[in-house]
C-alpha atoms as a PDB file:
ATOM      1  CA  MET A   1      15.721   2.191 -26.696  1.00  0.00           C
ATOM      2  CA  LEU A   2      14.537   3.512 -23.361  1.00  0.00           C
ATOM      3  CA  THR A   3      10.975   2.850 -22.344  1.00  0.00           C
ATOM      4  CA  ARG A   4       8.958   5.216 -20.240  1.00  0.00           C
ATOM      5  CA  LYS A   5       7.994   4.008 -16.783  1.00  0.00           C
ATOM      6  CA  SER A   6       4.297   3.877 -16.010  1.00  0.00           C
ATOM      7  CA  ARG A   7       3.104   6.807 -13.928  1.00  0.00           C
ATOM      8  CA  SER A   8      -0.285   5.279 -13.237  1.00  0.00           C
ATOM      9  CA  ASN A   9      -1.709   5.069  -9.758  1.00  0.00           C
ATOM     10  CA  PHE A  10      -1.513   1.633  -8.171  1.00  0.00           C
ATOM     11  CA  GLU A  11      -3.193  -0.046  -5.212  1.00  0.00           C
ATOM     12  CA  VAL A  12      -1.675  -1.777  -2.205  1.00  0.00           C
ATOM     13  CA  VAL A  13      -3.373  -4.035   0.317  1.00  0.00           C
ATOM     14  CA  THR A  14      -1.345  -4.798   3.424  1.00  0.00           C
ATOM     15  CA  VAL A  15      -0.381  -8.410   4.048  1.00  0.00           C
ATOM     16  CA  ASN A  16      -2.171  -8.464   7.405  1.00  0.00           C
ATOM     17  CA  ASP A  17      -5.511  -7.121   6.228  1.00  0.00           C
ATOM     18  CA  PRO A  18      -8.158  -9.273   7.966  1.00  0.00           C
ATOM     19  CA  ALA A  19     -10.162  -9.582   4.730  1.00  0.00           C
ATOM     20  CA  ILE A  20      -7.405 -11.743   3.205  1.00  0.00           C
ATOM     21  CA  ASP A  21      -7.917 -15.504   3.287  1.00  0.00           C
ATOM     22  CA  ARG A  22      -4.755 -16.808   4.922  1.00  0.00           C
ATOM     23  CA  HIS A  23      -6.098 -20.075   6.326  1.00  0.00           C
ATOM     24  CA  SER A  24      -7.132 -22.140   3.293  1.00  0.00           C
ATOM     25  CA  ARG A  25      -4.363 -23.809   1.307  1.00  0.00           C
ATOM     26  CA  LYS A  26      -5.135 -21.657  -1.762  1.00  0.00           C
ATOM     27  CA  GLY A  27      -5.398 -18.503   0.345  1.00  0.00           C
ATOM     28  CA  LYS A  28      -2.064 -19.097   2.072  1.00  0.00           C
ATOM     29  CA  SER A  29      -0.347 -19.785  -1.246  1.00  0.00           C
ATOM     30  CA  ALA A  30      -1.926 -16.676  -2.780  1.00  0.00           C
ATOM     31  CA  LEU A  31      -0.774 -14.507   0.137  1.00  0.00           C
ATOM     32  CA  GLU A  32       2.777 -15.863  -0.085  1.00  0.00           C
ATOM     33  CA  ALA A  33       2.823 -14.956  -3.800  1.00  0.00           C
ATOM     34  CA  TYR A  34       1.356 -11.509  -3.075  1.00  0.00           C
ATOM     35  CA  VAL A  35       4.091 -10.730  -0.532  1.00  0.00           C
ATOM     36  CA  GLN A  36       6.710 -11.240  -3.251  1.00  0.00           C
ATOM     37  CA  HIS A  37       4.970  -9.881  -6.342  1.00  0.00           C
ATOM     38  CA  ARG A  38       2.307  -7.455  -5.035  1.00  0.00           C
ATOM     39  CA  ASP A  39      -0.135  -8.562  -7.695  1.00  0.00           C
ATOM     40  CA  LEU A  40      -3.600  -7.929  -6.218  1.00  0.00           C
ATOM     41  CA  SER A  41      -5.228 -10.343  -8.636  1.00  0.00           C
ATOM     42  CA  ARG A  42      -3.459 -13.208  -6.817  1.00  0.00           C
ATOM     43  CA  LEU A  43      -5.084 -12.512  -3.438  1.00  0.00           C
ATOM     44  CA  LEU A  44      -8.124 -14.357  -2.157  1.00  0.00           C
ATOM     45  CA  MET A  45     -10.545 -12.528   0.115  1.00  0.00           C
ATOM     46  CA  HIS A  46     -13.021 -13.895   2.593  1.00  0.00           C
ATOM     47  CA  GLU A  47     -16.540 -13.777   1.241  1.00  0.00           C
ATOM     48  CA  LYS A  48     -18.314 -10.456   1.838  1.00  0.00           C
ATOM     49  CA  GLN A  49     -15.138  -8.742   3.050  1.00  0.00           C
ATOM     50  CA  THR A  50     -13.339  -5.868   1.407  1.00  0.00           C
ATOM     51  CA  PRO A  51      -9.729  -5.009   2.207  1.00  0.00           C
ATOM     52  CA  THR A  52      -8.448  -1.535   2.994  1.00  0.00           C
ATOM     53  CA  ARG A  53      -6.873  -0.278  -0.233  1.00  0.00           C
ATOM     54  CA  PHE A  54      -4.099   2.288  -0.416  1.00  0.00           C
ATOM     55  CA  VAL A  55      -4.233   4.132  -3.740  1.00  0.00           C
ATOM     56  CA  MET A  56      -0.725   5.354  -4.442  1.00  0.00           C
ATOM     57  CA  ARG A  57       0.802   7.728  -7.004  1.00  0.00           C
ATOM     58  CA  ALA A  58       3.876   6.508  -8.827  1.00  0.00           C
ATOM     59  CA  LEU A  59       6.941   8.359  -7.564  1.00  0.00           C
ATOM     60  CA  PRO A  60       8.926  10.265 -10.182  1.00  0.00           C
ATOM     61  CA  HIS A  61      12.701  10.047 -10.378  1.00  0.00           C
ATOM     62  CA  ARG A  62      13.183  13.380  -8.569  1.00  0.00           C
ATOM     63  CA  ALA A  63      11.156  12.151  -5.586  1.00  0.00           C
ATOM     64  CA  CYS A  64      13.204   8.929  -5.510  1.00  0.00           C
ATOM     65  CA  MET A  65      16.426  10.948  -5.422  1.00  0.00           C
ATOM     66  CA  PHE A  66      15.034  13.020  -2.537  1.00  0.00           C
ATOM     67  CA  ILE A  67      14.078   9.856  -0.642  1.00  0.00           C
ATOM     68  CA  ASP A  68      17.371   8.129  -1.409  1.00  0.00           C
ATOM     69  CA  ALA A  69      19.290  10.969   0.258  1.00  0.00           C
ATOM     70  CA  GLU A  70      17.768   9.831   3.569  1.00  0.00           C
ATOM     71  CA  GLU A  71      20.097   7.531   5.503  1.00  0.00           C
ATOM     72  CA  HIS A  72      17.647   5.405   7.510  1.00  0.00           C
ATOM     73  CA  LEU A  73      15.313   2.858   5.914  1.00  0.00           C
ATOM     74  CA  VAL A  74      12.401   3.632   8.250  1.00  0.00           C
ATOM     75  CA  ARG A  75      12.524   7.294   7.179  1.00  0.00           C
ATOM     76  CA  LYS A  76      12.880   6.307   3.511  1.00  0.00           C
ATOM     77  CA  VAL A  77       9.724   4.196   3.530  1.00  0.00           C
ATOM     78  CA  ALA A  78       7.832   6.843   5.544  1.00  0.00           C
ATOM     79  CA  LEU A  79       8.833   9.478   2.975  1.00  0.00           C
ATOM     80  CA  ALA A  80       7.760   7.171   0.148  1.00  0.00           C
ATOM     81  CA  PHE A  81       4.402   6.722   1.903  1.00  0.00           C
ATOM     82  CA  ILE A  82       3.701  10.425   2.398  1.00  0.00           C
ATOM     83  CA  MET A  83       4.930  11.317  -1.087  1.00  0.00           C
ATOM     84  CA  SER A  84       2.912   8.673  -2.921  1.00  0.00           C
ATOM     85  CA  LEU A  85      -0.355   8.323  -0.948  1.00  0.00           C
ATOM     86  CA  GLU A  86      -3.342   9.489  -2.977  1.00  0.00           C
ATOM     87  CA  ARG A  87      -6.134   8.091  -0.792  1.00  0.00           C
ATOM     88  CA  ILE A  88      -7.145   5.212   1.468  1.00  0.00           C
ATOM     89  CA  GLU A  89     -10.369   3.330   0.832  1.00  0.00           C
ATOM     90  CA  GLY A  90     -11.949   1.189   3.521  1.00  0.00           C
ATOM     91  CA  MET A  91     -14.791  -1.261   3.705  1.00  0.00           C
ATOM     92  CA  GLU A  92     -17.190  -1.044   0.769  1.00  0.00           C
ATOM     93  CA  GLY A  93     -14.930   1.575  -0.836  1.00  0.00           C
ATOM     94  CA  GLU A  94     -15.702   4.293   1.712  1.00  0.00           C
ATOM     95  CA  PRO A  95     -12.786   6.742   1.830  1.00  0.00           C
ATOM     96  CA  LEU A  96     -10.774   6.690   5.040  1.00  0.00           C
ATOM     97  CA  PHE A  97      -8.421   9.355   3.730  1.00  0.00           C
ATOM     98  CA  ASN A  98      -9.173  11.301   0.583  1.00  0.00           C
ATOM     99  CA  PRO A  99      -8.196  14.963   0.726  1.00  0.00           C
ATOM    100  CA  SER A 100      -8.561  15.259  -3.052  1.00  0.00           C
ATOM    101  CA  ALA A 101     -12.315  14.582  -2.972  1.00  0.00           C
ATOM    102  CA  ASP A 102     -14.811  17.402  -3.030  1.00  0.00           C
ATOM    103  CA  GLY A 103     -15.116  18.617   0.536  1.00  0.00           C
ATOM    104  CA  GLY A 104     -12.017  16.645   1.521  1.00  0.00           C
ATOM    105  CA  ASP A 105      -9.558  17.911   4.110  1.00  0.00           C
ATOM    106  CA  ARG A 106      -7.224  19.962   1.944  1.00  0.00           C
ATOM    107  CA  LYS A 107      -5.152  20.716   5.062  1.00  0.00           C
ATOM    108  CA  ALA A 108      -3.940  17.106   4.854  1.00  0.00           C
ATOM    109  CA  TRP A 109      -1.511  18.139   2.084  1.00  0.00           C
ATOM    110  CA  GLU A 110       1.637  20.228   2.102  1.00  0.00           C
ATOM    111  CA  THR A 111       4.568  20.524  -0.303  1.00  0.00           C
ATOM    112  CA  LEU A 112       7.972  18.903   0.129  1.00  0.00           C
ATOM    113  CA  ASP A 113      10.609  19.706  -2.469  1.00  0.00           C
ATOM    114  CA  GLY A 114       7.800  20.770  -4.820  1.00  0.00           C
ATOM    115  CA  TRP A 115       5.853  17.520  -4.400  1.00  0.00           C
ATOM    116  CA  PRO A 116       2.459  17.244  -2.635  1.00  0.00           C
ATOM    117  CA  VAL A 117       2.770  15.148   0.511  1.00  0.00           C
ATOM    118  CA  VAL A 118       0.635  14.091   3.452  1.00  0.00           C
ATOM    119  CA  THR A 119       1.095  16.399   6.454  1.00  0.00           C
ATOM    120  CA  ASP A 120       2.621  15.205   9.728  1.00  0.00           C
ATOM    121  CA  GLU A 121      -0.795  15.482  11.401  1.00  0.00           C
ATOM    122  CA  ALA A 122      -2.502  13.394   8.712  1.00  0.00           C
ATOM    123  CA  LEU A 123       0.312  10.823   8.891  1.00  0.00           C
ATOM    124  CA  ARG A 124      -0.056  10.666  12.687  1.00  0.00           C
ATOM    125  CA  ARG A 125      -3.816  10.033  12.344  1.00  0.00           C
ATOM    126  CA  ILE A 126      -3.234   7.312   9.732  1.00  0.00           C
ATOM    127  CA  ALA A 127      -0.523   5.617  11.822  1.00  0.00           C
ATOM    128  CA  GLU A 128      -2.675   5.749  14.980  1.00  0.00           C
ATOM    129  CA  SER A 129      -5.691   4.367  13.139  1.00  0.00           C
ATOM    130  CA  LEU A 130      -4.057   1.696  10.987  1.00  0.00           C
ATOM    131  CA  GLY A 131      -0.677   1.116  12.644  1.00  0.00           C
ATOM    132  CA  GLU A 132       2.903   2.217  12.089  1.00  0.00           C
ATOM    133  CA  ASN A 133       3.786  -1.073  10.373  1.00  0.00           C
ATOM    134  CA  VAL A 134       1.074  -0.421   7.783  1.00  0.00           C
ATOM    135  CA  VAL A 135       2.737   2.912   6.920  1.00  0.00           C
ATOM    136  CA  ARG A 136       6.104   1.147   6.649  1.00  0.00           C
ATOM    137  CA  GLU A 137       4.813  -1.706   4.517  1.00  0.00           C
ATOM    138  CA  VAL A 138       2.876   0.471   2.063  1.00  0.00           C
ATOM    139  CA  GLY A 139       5.749   2.970   1.860  1.00  0.00           C
ATOM    140  CA  ALA A 140       8.185   0.138   1.130  1.00  0.00           C
ATOM    141  CA  VAL A 141       5.988  -1.071  -1.751  1.00  0.00           C
ATOM    142  CA  ALA A 142       5.774   2.474  -3.186  1.00  0.00           C
ATOM    143  CA  LEU A 143       9.547   2.876  -2.980  1.00  0.00           C
ATOM    144  CA  GLN A 144      10.276  -0.519  -4.503  1.00  0.00           C
ATOM    145  CA  LYS A 145       7.850   0.096  -7.384  1.00  0.00           C
ATOM    146  CA  ALA A 146       9.516   3.455  -8.028  1.00  0.00           C
ATOM    147  CA  VAL A 147      13.058   2.161  -8.369  1.00  0.00           C
ATOM    148  CA  LEU A 148      12.314  -0.809 -10.633  1.00  0.00           C
ATOM    149  CA  ALA A 149      11.968  -0.402 -14.382  1.00  0.00           C
ATOM    150  CA  GLU A 150       8.812  -1.764 -16.012  1.00  0.00           C
ATOM    151  CA  HIS A 151      10.674  -4.703 -17.572  1.00  0.00           C
ATOM    152  CA  GLN A 152      12.420  -5.710 -14.348  1.00  0.00           C
ATOM    153  CA  ARG A 153      11.087  -8.662 -12.399  1.00  0.00           C
ATOM    154  CA  LYS A 154       9.620  -7.378  -9.205  1.00  0.00           C
ATOM    155  CA  ALA A 155      10.486  -9.254  -6.036  1.00  0.00           C
ATOM    156  CA  PHE A 156       9.249  -7.211  -3.105  1.00  0.00           C
ATOM    157  CA  TRP A 157      10.423  -7.391   0.500  1.00  0.00           C
ATOM    158  CA  LEU A 158       8.775  -6.448   3.761  1.00  0.00           C
ATOM    159  CA  PRO A 159      10.565  -3.755   5.791  1.00  0.00           C
ATOM    160  CA  PRO A 160      12.037  -4.545   9.228  1.00  0.00           C
ATOM    161  CA  GLY A 161       9.342  -5.032  11.848  1.00  0.00           C
ATOM    162  CA  CYS A 162       6.723  -6.094   9.295  1.00  0.00           C
ATOM    163  CA  MET A 163       5.790  -9.698   8.696  1.00  0.00           C
ATOM    164  CA  VAL A 164       2.802 -11.785   7.756  1.00  0.00           C
ATOM    165  CA  ASP A 165       0.703 -12.681  10.783  1.00  0.00           C
ATOM    166  CA  TRP A 166      -0.615 -16.135   9.905  1.00  0.00           C
ATOM    167  CA  GLU A 167      -2.713 -16.226  13.090  1.00  0.00           C
ATOM    168  CA  ILE A 168      -5.134 -13.424  12.192  1.00  0.00           C
ATOM    169  CA  ASP A 169      -8.664 -14.733  12.546  1.00  0.00           C
ATOM    170  CA  SER A 170     -11.265 -13.696  10.070  1.00  0.00           C
ATOM    171  CA  PRO A 171     -14.695 -12.807  11.424  1.00  0.00           C
ATOM    172  CA  ALA A 172     -16.296 -14.202   8.257  1.00  0.00           C
ATOM    173  CA  ILE A 173     -16.533 -17.869   7.485  1.00  0.00           C
ATOM    174  CA  GLY A 174     -17.372 -18.898   3.978  1.00  0.00           C
ATOM    175  CA  GLN A 175     -15.958 -19.033   0.524  1.00  0.00           C
ATOM    176  CA  SER A 176     -12.946 -17.066  -0.602  1.00  0.00           C
ATOM    177  CA  THR A 177     -13.084 -14.985  -3.726  1.00  0.00           C
ATOM    178  CA  PRO A 178     -10.351 -13.352  -5.812  1.00  0.00           C
ATOM    179  CA  ILE A 179      -9.886  -9.676  -4.929  1.00  0.00           C
ATOM    180  CA  THR A 180     -11.034  -8.590  -8.379  1.00  0.00           C
ATOM    181  CA  GLU A 181     -14.413 -10.210  -7.732  1.00  0.00           C
ATOM    182  CA  ALA A 182     -14.606  -8.934  -4.133  1.00  0.00           C
ATOM    183  CA  ALA A 183     -14.209  -5.301  -5.181  1.00  0.00           C
END
């Protein structure tokens, strides 16, 4: 019997978000697990810090076929990013990018193969503000989630050029809390 894949939105936090505790033993172990499984409940955050959250739409099969026709991995993950991004939430949940909200920038959307996507201009602003590797990492997660069935074990990979920066300093010193408590 075939099961239906979840079409629920999901959240991604990038592995180099400065709110992530990467220096304590527990924090480092939690981050290593997050890189592979992308389970936000495993992450530990520095006290009083909130990560930037990318709220993503699940990609349907048709979008995956469109993306898969692209030859280069960098373009594939960029397409996955623009086709699945719903909004970006920053510190304290303030929206960094949310064209769907009342009064939001509706010009940030266009249609690609019948699917709403982020415009080139909006993508440029996001990449300039947050970094090209952030777009690649989040797009890679969206693409990997889309091609795996619900029952398949998920073992995620970072795209070329992206890696965990273990040297990021956190401006906050204090206790670490699980991300579910930090939100």
